[in-house]
């Protein structure tokens, strides 16, 4: 009986930027539209980085991001791939389900405390 050598594993796809899927962007843009209608947010930017995707919202153009919604697939099993990050860099909410994480914006008024 002879053993055949194992075939090498197929090459992994090239690592490209992480980005949002259409369904994910739909959920995020619904929250964004609601906050724009309330006069809280005015602008946004979407960026795909090597390890994570970022949806940043701004109160005014040219300011630092007011909130960032991040997708980090490497954290899906551990802490969850979704995070809402506040203006000062603090993580406001983290989880595995985007809809659940976005609830941090429901029914609350956010105010900056000096």
Protein backbone atom coordinates (compact mmCIF):
# COMPACT_ATOMS: atom_id res chain seq x y z
CA UNK A 1 0.00 0.00 0.00
CA UNK A 2 1.51 3.31 -1.02
CA UNK A 3 0.63 6.68 0.38
CA UNK A 4 0.14 9.56 -1.98
CA UNK A 5 1.67 12.86 -0.99
CA UNK A 6 -0.75 15.49 0.20
CA UNK A 7 -1.47 18.31 -2.17
CA UNK A 8 -0.38 21.70 -0.95
CA UNK A 9 -3.24 23.82 0.35
CA UNK A 10 -4.68 26.28 -2.12
CA UNK A 11 -3.17 29.73 -1.84
CA UNK A 12 -5.09 32.03 0.44
CA UNK A 13 -6.68 35.04 -1.18
CA UNK A 14 -4.53 38.15 -1.07
CA UNK A 15 -5.11 40.21 2.02
CA UNK A 16 -6.95 43.29 0.92
CA UNK A 17 -8.70 46.02 2.76
CA UNK A 18 -11.59 45.09 5.02
CA UNK A 19 -14.82 46.74 3.95
CA UNK A 20 -18.52 46.79 4.81
CA UNK A 21 -21.04 44.54 3.12
CA UNK A 22 -24.15 46.09 1.60
CA UNK A 23 -26.41 44.89 4.44
CA UNK A 24 -24.05 46.35 7.03
CA UNK A 25 -23.88 49.71 5.28
CA UNK A 26 -27.68 49.76 5.07
CA UNK A 27 -27.97 49.41 8.87
CA UNK A 28 -25.30 52.05 9.48
CA UNK A 29 -26.79 54.52 6.98
CA UNK A 30 -30.23 54.19 8.58
CA UNK A 31 -28.77 55.32 11.91
CA UNK A 32 -26.77 58.03 10.14
CA UNK A 33 -29.89 59.35 8.37
CA UNK A 34 -31.83 59.47 11.62
CA UNK A 35 -29.05 61.39 13.37
CA UNK A 36 -28.73 63.84 10.45
CA UNK A 37 -32.49 64.45 10.62
CA UNK A 38 -32.09 65.24 14.34
CA UNK A 39 -29.31 67.71 13.51
CA UNK A 40 -26.67 65.72 15.45
CA UNK A 41 -24.44 64.62 12.57
CA UNK A 42 -23.52 66.39 9.33
CA UNK A 43 -20.90 64.38 7.46
CA UNK A 44 -19.34 60.93 7.22
CA UNK A 45 -16.37 59.08 5.78
CA UNK A 46 -15.93 55.39 4.98
CA UNK A 47 -12.45 53.87 4.89
CA UNK A 48 -11.25 50.31 4.37
CA UNK A 49 -7.98 49.57 6.14
CA UNK A 50 -5.90 46.39 6.02
CA UNK A 51 -7.32 44.98 9.29
CA UNK A 52 -10.54 46.93 9.78
CA UNK A 53 -13.20 49.07 8.13
CA UNK A 54 -14.27 52.39 9.58
CA UNK A 55 -17.40 54.51 9.23
CA UNK A 56 -16.64 57.87 10.83
CA UNK A 57 -19.32 60.48 11.56
CA UNK A 58 -18.71 64.17 12.04
CA UNK A 59 -20.64 67.00 13.62
CA UNK A 60 -18.97 69.48 11.28
CA UNK A 61 -16.78 69.03 8.22
CA UNK A 62 -13.12 69.33 9.10
CA UNK A 63 -13.55 68.21 12.72
CA UNK A 64 -12.17 65.01 14.19
CA UNK A 65 -14.68 62.13 14.02
CA UNK A 66 -17.45 62.41 16.58
CA UNK A 67 -18.07 58.63 16.50
CA UNK A 68 -16.46 55.76 14.65
CA UNK A 69 -18.16 52.49 13.79
CA UNK A 70 -15.47 49.86 13.27
CA UNK A 71 -15.57 46.39 11.81
CA UNK A 72 -12.62 44.20 12.85
CA UNK A 73 -13.19 40.64 11.57
CA UNK A 74 -10.21 39.28 13.54
CA UNK A 75 -12.13 40.00 16.78
CA UNK A 76 -15.37 38.24 15.74
CA UNK A 77 -14.76 35.16 17.87
CA UNK A 78 -13.37 36.97 20.90
CA UNK A 79 -14.98 40.33 21.65
CA UNK A 80 -17.06 40.77 18.52
CA UNK A 81 -16.06 42.46 15.32
CA UNK A 82 -18.20 45.60 15.81
CA UNK A 83 -17.31 48.58 17.97
CA UNK A 84 -18.66 52.09 18.48
CA UNK A 85 -15.84 54.42 19.48
CA UNK A 86 -16.45 57.87 20.92
CA UNK A 87 -14.66 61.12 20.23
CA UNK A 88 -12.07 60.57 22.96
CA UNK A 89 -11.25 57.04 21.78
CA UNK A 90 -13.35 55.26 24.40
CA UNK A 91 -15.23 52.14 23.27
CA UNK A 92 -18.92 52.78 23.91
CA UNK A 93 -20.19 49.39 22.74
CA UNK A 94 -18.69 46.22 21.29
CA UNK A 95 -20.35 43.07 20.02
CA UNK A 96 -20.86 40.41 17.39
CA UNK A 97 -24.19 41.73 16.05
CA UNK A 98 -24.14 45.08 14.25
CA UNK A 99 -27.83 45.86 14.85
CA UNK A 100 -27.36 45.30 18.59
CA UNK A 101 -24.22 47.45 18.73
CA UNK A 102 -25.93 50.30 16.83
CA UNK A 103 -28.62 50.45 19.52
CA UNK A 104 -26.19 52.56 21.53
CA UNK A 105 -27.57 55.47 19.46
CA UNK A 106 -31.24 54.72 20.25
CA UNK A 107 -33.16 57.00 22.54
CA UNK A 108 -30.23 58.85 24.06
CA UNK A 109 -28.91 62.31 23.56
CA UNK A 110 -25.16 62.42 23.60
CA UNK A 111 -23.51 65.46 25.06
CA UNK A 112 -19.86 66.29 25.45
CA UNK A 113 -18.98 66.96 29.05
CA UNK A 114 -16.23 69.51 29.63
